[in-house]
Amino acid sequence: MGHFIISNINRFSKWKETFMLMLENTTEYKVFFPGSINSIPGPLNQGKDDFVQLNGITINDWDGMKNSIEIHGVMNDDARKIFLRFQDDAFQGYMPQLWSFQFHDNQNRVLIRVEDFTVCLCWFSDDMIHTMEQKGLLPSEDIEPSE
């Protein structure tokens, strides 16, 4: 298992390829938003209305921040489309629109966690590291090993 950090996803030239690989290997996700389900829209709440509309989600208080929620769901085509839409700006080199989310694999391990829009914490299995090396995504000066 390798721990990595991508400090600025919108400046990482291979972010789209990396994100797509993570999306392919994700079975569940969590998206985090400040406030309640009905809170006032703002930059940190972009995407909330889209995720709340998905079938089969659970919404809980999020332990990571006072007065905030966590939307948890199974990754399906509808969820993938939302994630892709809200990451499209990052693929173009601009600030993405989702504030904080994480992807889980089929063993409920966190694959990636994006925080503050652009910081991506990564937990890659040895197999994932090998796949990323084969696809030319690693090594990269933009993906730094982390302790």
Protein backbone atom coordinates (compact mmCIF):
# COMPACT_ATOMS: atom_id res chain seq x y z
CA MET A 1 0.00 0.00 0.00
CA GLY A 2 1.34 3.40 -0.96
CA HIS A 3 0.25 6.76 0.41
CA PHE A 4 0.49 9.70 -1.97
CA ILE A 5 -0.66 13.28 -2.25
CA ILE A 6 -1.54 15.34 -5.31
CA SER A 7 -1.35 18.86 -3.98
CA ASN A 8 -3.16 20.54 -6.88
CA ILE A 9 -5.29 18.30 -9.09
CA ASN A 10 -6.21 21.04 -11.55
CA ARG A 11 -2.50 21.55 -12.34
CA PHE A 12 -1.79 17.82 -12.64
CA SER A 13 -1.69 17.06 -16.37
CA LYS A 14 -2.74 13.43 -15.81
CA TRP A 15 -5.60 14.14 -13.40
CA LYS A 16 -8.31 13.06 -15.84
CA GLU A 17 -6.64 9.71 -16.49
CA THR A 18 -5.96 9.19 -12.78
CA PHE A 19 -9.51 10.18 -11.83
CA MET A 20 -11.02 7.88 -14.48
CA LEU A 21 -8.95 4.95 -13.19
CA MET A 22 -10.12 5.63 -9.63
CA LEU A 23 -13.71 5.96 -10.84
CA GLU A 24 -13.46 2.54 -12.54
CA ASN A 25 -12.23 0.96 -9.30
CA THR A 26 -14.72 2.63 -6.97
CA THR A 27 -17.70 0.79 -5.53
CA GLU A 28 -18.88 3.42 -3.04
CA TYR A 29 -18.40 7.12 -2.44
CA LYS A 30 -18.91 9.76 0.21
CA VAL A 31 -19.43 13.45 -0.51
CA PHE A 32 -19.21 16.04 2.25
CA PHE A 33 -21.09 19.34 2.50
CA PRO A 34 -21.35 22.03 5.17
CA GLY A 35 -24.77 22.73 6.62
CA SER A 36 -27.91 20.64 6.34
CA ILE A 37 -29.64 19.24 3.29
CA ASN A 38 -31.55 22.51 2.94
CA SER A 39 -28.71 24.93 3.59
CA ILE A 40 -28.13 28.04 1.53
CA PRO A 41 -26.23 27.39 -1.72
CA GLY A 42 -22.60 28.43 -1.89
CA PRO A 43 -19.29 27.29 -3.37
CA LEU A 44 -18.83 24.52 -0.79
CA ASN A 45 -22.32 23.18 -1.52
CA GLN A 46 -21.99 22.79 -5.28
CA GLY A 47 -23.32 19.39 -6.28
CA LYS A 48 -25.34 18.84 -3.11
CA ASP A 49 -28.70 19.01 -4.90
CA ASP A 50 -27.48 16.54 -7.52
CA PHE A 51 -26.26 13.95 -5.02
CA VAL A 52 -29.35 14.27 -2.81
CA GLN A 53 -31.50 13.31 -5.83
CA LEU A 54 -29.73 9.96 -6.34
CA ASN A 55 -31.46 6.71 -5.39
CA GLY A 56 -30.12 4.56 -2.58
CA ILE A 57 -28.08 7.20 -0.76
CA THR A 58 -27.78 7.69 2.98
CA ILE A 59 -27.33 11.10 4.56
CA ASN A 60 -25.71 11.41 7.97
CA ASP A 61 -24.05 14.05 10.08
CA TRP A 62 -20.38 14.25 9.15
CA ASP A 63 -17.87 13.92 11.98
CA GLY A 64 -15.29 15.92 10.03
CA MET A 65 -16.97 19.29 10.56
CA LYS A 66 -19.62 20.68 12.88
CA ASN A 67 -23.05 21.19 11.27
CA SER A 68 -22.23 19.30 8.08
CA ILE A 69 -23.48 16.23 6.22
CA GLU A 70 -22.06 13.17 4.53
CA ILE A 71 -23.85 11.66 1.54
CA HIS A 72 -22.92 8.01 1.05
CA GLY A 73 -23.86 5.95 -1.96
CA VAL A 74 -23.02 3.07 -4.24
CA MET A 75 -21.14 4.14 -7.34
CA ASN A 76 -23.42 3.73 -10.34
CA ASP A 77 -23.75 5.38 -13.74
CA ASP A 78 -25.79 8.29 -12.38
CA ALA A 79 -23.25 9.04 -9.65
CA ARG A 80 -20.36 8.70 -12.14
CA LYS A 81 -21.96 11.29 -14.42
CA ILE A 82 -22.27 13.74 -11.54
CA PHE A 83 -18.65 13.25 -10.45
CA LEU A 84 -17.44 13.68 -14.03
CA ARG A 85 -19.49 16.83 -14.52
CA PHE A 86 -18.17 18.42 -11.34
CA GLN A 87 -14.55 17.42 -12.09
CA ASP A 88 -14.62 18.62 -15.70
CA ASP A 89 -13.19 22.03 -14.80
CA ALA A 90 -10.22 20.33 -13.14
CA PHE A 91 -9.64 18.30 -16.32
CA GLN A 92 -9.36 21.63 -18.16
CA GLY A 93 -6.89 23.08 -15.63
CA TYR A 94 -9.42 25.11 -13.64
CA MET A 95 -10.76 24.86 -10.09
CA PRO A 96 -13.11 21.86 -9.76
CA GLN A 97 -16.55 22.27 -8.27
CA LEU A 98 -16.73 19.57 -5.57
CA TRP A 99 -15.32 20.63 -2.22
CA SER A 100 -14.73 17.26 -0.53
CA PHE A 101 -15.35 13.62 -1.45
CA GLN A 102 -13.82 10.19 -1.25
CA PHE A 103 -13.95 6.97 -3.24
CA HIS A 104 -13.92 3.48 -1.69
CA ASP A 105 -12.93 0.16 -3.26
CA ASN A 106 -14.79 -3.15 -2.95
CA GLN A 107 -13.15 -3.78 0.44
CA ASN A 108 -14.36 -0.39 1.74
CA ARG A 109 -10.83 1.03 1.70
CA VAL A 110 -10.47 4.68 0.77
CA LEU A 111 -8.80 5.02 -2.65
CA ILE A 112 -8.76 8.80 -2.88
CA ARG A 113 -10.02 11.68 -0.82
CA VAL A 114 -10.26 15.14 -2.34
CA GLU A 115 -10.27 18.02 0.14
CA ASP A 116 -10.48 21.79 -0.32
CA PHE A 117 -11.39 21.26 -4.00
CA THR A 118 -7.85 20.51 -5.23
CA VAL A 119 -5.88 18.42 -2.70
CA CYS A 120 -6.07 14.68 -3.32
CA LEU A 121 -4.93 12.18 -0.71
CA CYS A 122 -4.37 8.73 -2.20
CA TRP A 123 -4.12 5.23 -0.75
CA PHE A 124 -3.02 2.97 -3.61
CA SER A 125 -2.68 -0.79 -3.32
CA ASP A 126 0.40 -2.40 -4.84
CA ASP A 127 -1.77 -3.60 -7.73
CA MET A 128 -3.06 -0.06 -8.32
CA ILE A 129 0.48 1.33 -8.25
CA HIS A 130 1.49 -1.28 -10.83
CA THR A 131 -1.51 -0.40 -13.04
CA MET A 132 -0.70 3.30 -12.76
CA GLU A 133 2.92 2.64 -13.72
CA GLN A 134 1.77 0.65 -16.77
CA LYS A 135 -0.53 3.51 -17.82
CA GLY A 136 2.26 6.07 -17.40
CA LEU A 137 0.57 7.80 -14.45
CA LEU A 138 3.42 6.98 -12.06
CA PRO A 139 6.06 8.07 -11.41
CA SER A 140 5.02 11.70 -11.60
CA GLU A 141 6.45 14.83 -10.07
CA ASP A 142 2.85 15.82 -9.26
CA ILE A 143 2.14 12.72 -7.13
CA GLU A 144 4.28 12.86 -4.02
CA PRO A 145 4.79 9.95 -1.60
CA SER A 146 3.27 10.69 1.80
CA GLU A 147 3.93 9.23 5.23
